[in-house]
C-alpha atoms as a PDB file:
ATOM      1  CA  ALA A   1     -26.754 -24.021   4.029  1.00  0.00           C
ATOM      2  CA  SER A   2     -26.190 -27.438   5.488  1.00  0.00           C
ATOM      3  CA  ALA A   3     -23.220 -29.425   6.699  1.00  0.00           C
ATOM      4  CA  ASP A   4     -22.291 -32.896   7.924  1.00  0.00           C
ATOM      5  CA  PHE A   5     -20.136 -33.016  11.007  1.00  0.00           C
ATOM      6  CA  ASP A   6     -17.909 -35.384  12.921  1.00  0.00           C
ATOM      7  CA  ALA A   7     -16.548 -34.127  16.221  1.00  0.00           C
ATOM      8  CA  THR A   8     -14.652 -35.484  19.152  1.00  0.00           C
ATOM      9  CA  ALA A   9     -14.122 -34.013  22.604  1.00  0.00           C
ATOM     10  CA  GLU A  10     -12.591 -34.847  25.968  1.00  0.00           C
ATOM     11  CA  GLY A  11     -12.197 -33.079  29.260  1.00  0.00           C
ATOM     12  CA  ASP A  12     -14.005 -32.234  32.475  1.00  0.00           C
ATOM     13  CA  VAL A  13     -17.526 -30.850  32.444  1.00  0.00           C
ATOM     14  CA  PRO A  14     -19.313 -29.284  35.460  1.00  0.00           C
ATOM     15  CA  PHE A  15     -22.126 -31.658  36.525  1.00  0.00           C
ATOM     16  CA  ALA A  16     -23.815 -30.613  39.783  1.00  0.00           C
ATOM     17  CA  LEU A  17     -25.556 -33.934  40.460  1.00  0.00           C
ATOM     18  CA  LEU A  18     -22.312 -35.897  40.763  1.00  0.00           C
ATOM     19  CA  ARG A  19     -20.659 -36.117  44.166  1.00  0.00           C
ATOM     20  CA  GLY A  20     -17.436 -34.586  42.703  1.00  0.00           C
ATOM     21  CA  ARG A  21     -19.531 -32.088  40.649  1.00  0.00           C
ATOM     22  CA  VAL A  22     -17.491 -32.956  37.517  1.00  0.00           C
ATOM     23  CA  LEU A  23     -18.128 -35.367  34.627  1.00  0.00           C
ATOM     24  CA  HIS A  24     -14.771 -36.734  33.459  1.00  0.00           C
ATOM     25  CA  VAL A  25     -15.163 -37.239  29.693  1.00  0.00           C
ATOM     26  CA  ASP A  26     -12.502 -39.519  28.277  1.00  0.00           C
ATOM     27  CA  LEU A  27     -14.025 -39.379  24.788  1.00  0.00           C
ATOM     28  CA  LEU A  28     -17.196 -38.015  23.142  1.00  0.00           C
ATOM     29  CA  LYS A  29     -17.700 -38.743  19.454  1.00  0.00           C
ATOM     30  CA  LEU A  30     -20.541 -37.072  17.570  1.00  0.00           C
ATOM     31  CA  SER A  31     -21.632 -37.412  13.946  1.00  0.00           C
ATOM     32  CA  GLY A  32     -24.568 -35.747  12.322  1.00  0.00           C
ATOM     33  CA  HIS A  33     -26.037 -33.156  10.018  1.00  0.00           C
ATOM     34  CA  LEU A  34     -27.022 -29.483  10.435  1.00  0.00           C
ATOM     35  CA  ASP A  35     -29.520 -27.853   8.085  1.00  0.00           C
ATOM     36  CA  SER A  36     -29.374 -24.210   9.047  1.00  0.00           C
ATOM     37  CA  LEU A  37     -32.147 -23.123   6.684  1.00  0.00           C
ATOM     38  CA  ALA A  38     -34.627 -25.626   8.190  1.00  0.00           C
ATOM     39  CA  HIS A  39     -33.127 -25.047  11.706  1.00  0.00           C
ATOM     40  CA  HIS A  40     -32.776 -28.819  12.030  1.00  0.00           C
ATOM     41  CA  LEU A  41     -29.983 -30.699  13.757  1.00  0.00           C
ATOM     42  CA  SER A  42     -29.591 -34.442  13.660  1.00  0.00           C
ATOM     43  CA  VAL A  43     -27.079 -36.494  15.604  1.00  0.00           C
ATOM     44  CA  THR A  44     -26.803 -39.763  13.724  1.00  0.00           C
ATOM     45  CA  SER A  45     -24.305 -41.330  16.083  1.00  0.00           C
ATOM     46  CA  ALA A  46     -22.887 -40.351  19.454  1.00  0.00           C
ATOM     47  CA  ASP A  47     -20.716 -42.276  21.871  1.00  0.00           C
ATOM     48  CA  LEU A  48     -19.962 -40.981  25.371  1.00  0.00           C
ATOM     49  CA  ASP A  49     -17.168 -42.620  27.328  1.00  0.00           C
ATOM     50  CA  ALA A  50     -16.814 -40.903  30.685  1.00  0.00           C
ATOM     51  CA  ARG A  51     -15.598 -42.186  34.025  1.00  0.00           C
ATOM     52  CA  GLU A  52     -19.121 -41.829  35.443  1.00  0.00           C
ATOM     53  CA  ILE A  53     -21.364 -42.487  32.383  1.00  0.00           C
ATOM     54  CA  LYS A  54     -21.092 -44.550  29.240  1.00  0.00           C
ATOM     55  CA  ALA A  55     -23.778 -44.320  26.567  1.00  0.00           C
ATOM     56  CA  GLN A  56     -24.571 -44.517  22.872  1.00  0.00           C
ATOM     57  CA  PHE A  57     -27.309 -42.234  21.518  1.00  0.00           C
ATOM     58  CA  LYS A  58     -28.781 -40.493  18.491  1.00  0.00           C
ATOM     59  CA  GLY A  59     -31.491 -37.915  17.995  1.00  0.00           C
ATOM     60  CA  ALA A  60     -32.816 -34.944  16.089  1.00  0.00           C
ATOM     61  CA  GLY A  61     -34.258 -31.580  16.921  1.00  0.00           C
ATOM     62  CA  THR A  62     -35.696 -28.492  15.320  1.00  0.00           C
ATOM     63  CA  LEU A  63     -34.965 -24.985  16.641  1.00  0.00           C
ATOM     64  CA  HIS A  64     -37.943 -22.606  16.511  1.00  0.00           C
ATOM     65  CA  TYR A  65     -37.173 -18.870  16.460  1.00  0.00           C
ATOM     66  CA  GLY A  66     -39.427 -15.891  17.164  1.00  0.00           C
ATOM     67  CA  ALA A  67     -39.758 -12.804  14.953  1.00  0.00           C
ATOM     68  CA  ASP A  68     -37.124 -11.189  17.172  1.00  0.00           C
ATOM     69  CA  GLY A  69     -34.584 -13.878  16.207  1.00  0.00           C
ATOM     70  CA  LYS A  70     -34.502 -15.365  19.710  1.00  0.00           C
ATOM     71  CA  LEU A  71     -34.903 -19.060  20.330  1.00  0.00           C
ATOM     72  CA  ASP A  72     -38.546 -19.825  21.226  1.00  0.00           C
ATOM     73  CA  SER A  73     -38.220 -23.580  21.601  1.00  0.00           C
ATOM     74  CA  LEU A  74     -36.309 -26.719  20.730  1.00  0.00           C
ATOM     75  CA  ALA A  75     -38.370 -29.761  19.835  1.00  0.00           C
ATOM     76  CA  GLY A  76     -37.070 -33.207  19.132  1.00  0.00           C
ATOM     77  CA  ASP A  77     -36.370 -36.745  20.178  1.00  0.00           C
ATOM     78  CA  PHE A  78     -33.475 -38.938  21.116  1.00  0.00           C
ATOM     79  CA  VAL A  79     -32.791 -42.588  21.817  1.00  0.00           C
ATOM     80  CA  ALA A  80     -29.977 -43.925  23.988  1.00  0.00           C
ATOM     81  CA  SER A  81     -28.800 -47.448  24.433  1.00  0.00           C
ATOM     82  CA  ARG A  82     -26.378 -49.270  26.704  1.00  0.00           C
ATOM     83  CA  LEU A  83     -26.336 -46.615  29.395  1.00  0.00           C
ATOM     84  CA  ALA A  84     -24.031 -47.409  32.297  1.00  0.00           C
ATOM     85  CA  PHE A  85     -23.684 -45.164  35.361  1.00  0.00           C
ATOM     86  CA  ASN A  86     -20.982 -45.330  37.983  1.00  0.00           C
ATOM     87  CA  ALA A  87     -22.018 -42.060  39.454  1.00  0.00           C
ATOM     88  CA  PRO A  88     -21.948 -41.562  43.238  1.00  0.00           C
ATOM     89  CA  GLY A  89     -24.386 -38.814  44.055  1.00  0.00           C
ATOM     90  CA  ILE A  90     -26.896 -40.104  41.475  1.00  0.00           C
ATOM     91  CA  PHE A  91     -27.144 -43.854  42.179  1.00  0.00           C
ATOM     92  CA  ALA A  92     -26.188 -45.819  45.276  1.00  0.00           C
ATOM     93  CA  ARG A  93     -24.100 -48.246  43.205  1.00  0.00           C
ATOM     94  CA  PRO A  94     -23.232 -48.754  39.523  1.00  0.00           C
ATOM     95  CA  VAL A  95     -26.357 -49.260  37.408  1.00  0.00           C
ATOM     96  CA  SER A  96     -27.090 -50.004  33.746  1.00  0.00           C
ATOM     97  CA  PHE A  97     -30.073 -49.252  31.535  1.00  0.00           C
ATOM     98  CA  SER A  98     -30.789 -50.975  28.244  1.00  0.00           C
ATOM     99  CA  GLY A  99     -32.639 -48.045  26.731  1.00  0.00           C
ATOM    100  CA  LEU A 100     -33.890 -44.487  27.097  1.00  0.00           C
ATOM    101  CA  SER A 101     -36.107 -42.659  24.633  1.00  0.00           C
ATOM    102  CA  PHE A 102     -37.479 -39.115  24.774  1.00  0.00           C
ATOM    103  CA  ASN A 103     -39.773 -36.996  22.632  1.00  0.00           C
ATOM    104  CA  GLY A 104     -40.667 -33.464  23.644  1.00  0.00           C
ATOM    105  CA  ALA A 105     -39.808 -29.785  23.588  1.00  0.00           C
ATOM    106  CA  TYR A 106     -37.946 -27.252  25.716  1.00  0.00           C
ATOM    107  CA  THR A 107     -39.041 -23.593  25.990  1.00  0.00           C
ATOM    108  CA  PRO A 108     -36.194 -21.430  27.332  1.00  0.00           C
ATOM    109  CA  ALA A 109     -38.372 -18.429  28.289  1.00  0.00           C
ATOM    110  CA  SER A 110     -40.389 -20.481  30.729  1.00  0.00           C
ATOM    111  CA  HIS A 111     -37.676 -23.067  31.516  1.00  0.00           C
ATOM    112  CA  ARG A 112     -40.246 -25.702  30.714  1.00  0.00           C
ATOM    113  CA  LEU A 113     -39.572 -29.165  29.318  1.00  0.00           C
ATOM    114  CA  ASP A 114     -42.691 -30.728  27.831  1.00  0.00           C
ATOM    115  CA  VAL A 115     -42.400 -34.501  27.715  1.00  0.00           C
ATOM    116  CA  THR A 116     -44.597 -35.992  25.013  1.00  0.00           C
ATOM    117  CA  LYS A 117     -43.285 -39.471  25.803  1.00  0.00           C
ATOM    118  CA  ALA A 118     -40.275 -40.828  27.671  1.00  0.00           C
ATOM    119  CA  THR A 119     -39.392 -44.456  28.313  1.00  0.00           C
ATOM    120  CA  LEU A 120     -36.619 -46.031  30.403  1.00  0.00           C
ATOM    121  CA  THR A 121     -35.834 -49.749  30.363  1.00  0.00           C
ATOM    122  CA  ALA A 122     -33.443 -51.967  32.250  1.00  0.00           C
ATOM    123  CA  PRO A 123     -33.442 -55.544  33.526  1.00  0.00           C
ATOM    124  CA  ALA A 124     -36.737 -55.861  35.461  1.00  0.00           C
ATOM    125  CA  LEU A 125     -37.599 -52.164  34.835  1.00  0.00           C
ATOM    126  CA  ALA A 126     -40.018 -50.612  32.325  1.00  0.00           C
ATOM    127  CA  LEU A 127     -41.048 -46.993  32.861  1.00  0.00           C
ATOM    128  CA  GLU A 128     -43.142 -44.819  30.546  1.00  0.00           C
ATOM    129  CA  THR A 129     -44.107 -41.236  31.312  1.00  0.00           C
ATOM    130  CA  SER A 130     -45.339 -37.950  29.851  1.00  0.00           C
ATOM    131  CA  GLY A 131     -45.933 -34.491  31.258  1.00  0.00           C
ATOM    132  CA  ALA A 132     -43.868 -31.404  32.035  1.00  0.00           C
ATOM    133  CA  VAL A 133     -40.887 -30.315  34.105  1.00  0.00           C
ATOM    134  CA  THR A 134     -40.426 -26.632  34.923  1.00  0.00           C
ATOM    135  CA  LEU A 135     -36.899 -25.753  36.010  1.00  0.00           C
ATOM    136  CA  ASP A 136     -36.285 -22.931  38.451  1.00  0.00           C
ATOM    137  CA  PRO A 137     -32.804 -21.710  39.385  1.00  0.00           C
ATOM    138  CA  VAL A 138     -33.944 -20.900  42.942  1.00  0.00           C
ATOM    139  CA  LYS A 139     -36.561 -23.550  43.760  1.00  0.00           C
ATOM    140  CA  SER A 140     -36.884 -27.273  43.163  1.00  0.00           C
ATOM    141  CA  PRO A 141     -38.221 -28.284  39.739  1.00  0.00           C
ATOM    142  CA  GLY A 142     -41.972 -28.343  39.232  1.00  0.00           C
ATOM    143  CA  LEU A 143     -43.177 -31.705  38.022  1.00  0.00           C
ATOM    144  CA  VAL A 144     -46.482 -32.629  36.391  1.00  0.00           C
ATOM    145  CA  LEU A 145     -46.019 -36.184  35.144  1.00  0.00           C
ATOM    146  CA  SER A 146     -48.163 -39.188  34.556  1.00  0.00           C
ATOM    147  CA  GLY A 147     -46.929 -42.601  33.679  1.00  0.00           C
ATOM    148  CA  GLN A 148     -46.585 -46.209  34.582  1.00  0.00           C
ATOM    149  CA  ILE A 149     -43.949 -48.525  35.831  1.00  0.00           C
ATOM    150  CA  ALA A 150     -44.266 -52.288  35.626  1.00  0.00           C
ATOM    151  CA  ALA A 151     -44.405 -54.169  38.941  1.00  0.00           C
ATOM    152  CA  LEU A 152     -40.976 -54.955  40.345  1.00  0.00           C
ATOM    153  CA  PRO A 153     -39.451 -56.010  43.685  1.00  0.00           C
ATOM    154  CA  ALA A 154     -38.698 -53.191  46.132  1.00  0.00           C
ATOM    155  CA  ARG A 155     -34.944 -54.036  46.095  1.00  0.00           C
ATOM    156  CA  THR A 156     -34.925 -53.710  42.301  1.00  0.00           C
ATOM    157  CA  LEU A 157     -36.698 -50.376  42.545  1.00  0.00           C
ATOM    158  CA  LEU A 158     -33.988 -49.095  44.926  1.00  0.00           C
ATOM    159  CA  THR A 159     -31.320 -50.059  42.384  1.00  0.00           C
ATOM    160  CA  TYR A 160     -32.720 -47.522  39.910  1.00  0.00           C
ATOM    161  CA  TRP A 161     -33.943 -44.887  42.402  1.00  0.00           C
ATOM    162  CA  PRO A 162     -31.632 -41.839  42.331  1.00  0.00           C
ATOM    163  CA  VAL A 163     -30.237 -41.165  45.832  1.00  0.00           C
ATOM    164  CA  PHE A 164     -31.174 -37.451  45.722  1.00  0.00           C
ATOM    165  CA  ALA A 165     -34.858 -38.076  44.859  1.00  0.00           C
ATOM    166  CA  ALA A 166     -37.099 -38.295  47.948  1.00  0.00           C
ATOM    167  CA  PRO A 167     -34.286 -39.582  50.206  1.00  0.00           C
ATOM    168  CA  GLY A 168     -36.590 -40.105  53.189  1.00  0.00           C
ATOM    169  CA  ALA A 169     -38.940 -42.338  51.251  1.00  0.00           C
ATOM    170  CA  ARG A 170     -35.991 -44.165  49.705  1.00  0.00           C
ATOM    171  CA  ALA A 171     -34.463 -44.779  53.164  1.00  0.00           C
ATOM    172  CA  TRP A 172     -37.787 -46.010  54.586  1.00  0.00           C
ATOM    173  CA  ILE A 173     -38.189 -48.551  51.741  1.00  0.00           C
ATOM    174  CA  ASP A 174     -34.603 -49.662  52.167  1.00  0.00           C
ATOM    175  CA  GLU A 175     -35.069 -50.249  55.917  1.00  0.00           C
ATOM    176  CA  ASN A 176     -38.468 -51.954  55.606  1.00  0.00           C
END
């Protein structure tokens, strides 16, 4: 069985990284297609308009199930454009990105996100990476990443550097 969908939503969503711990969604519009026999979901268009984040994105994924019927993994990709963050707790000031792309897979049993390729672009910023992130509910995430970032001025780097990531190093660069 398969179905096309169009959905809208609004409301408050818990989001621990934000200073207020809530994402205030004014409007989320999703359109796409679900093929339940192939276990494939595609989002052909999505618009997020929240107080803290605005973005347009699309993507597709395939759900892989084990013999026991439990989800083994989700593999897919997505592309976002015109991302704008006004998110105290994540960035020091409002920041915009022109694009984000991701290709990879998530395995729930191991809480592992395998990143085949991810890119992030903004004015004066070009980042490309691959690797793995292992999430742990008790410890900090485990990261094994390799990538490259084009040369940029230190002040520009601080614009895009999340405030929670290595705050001591961030503060040292800011002061020096």
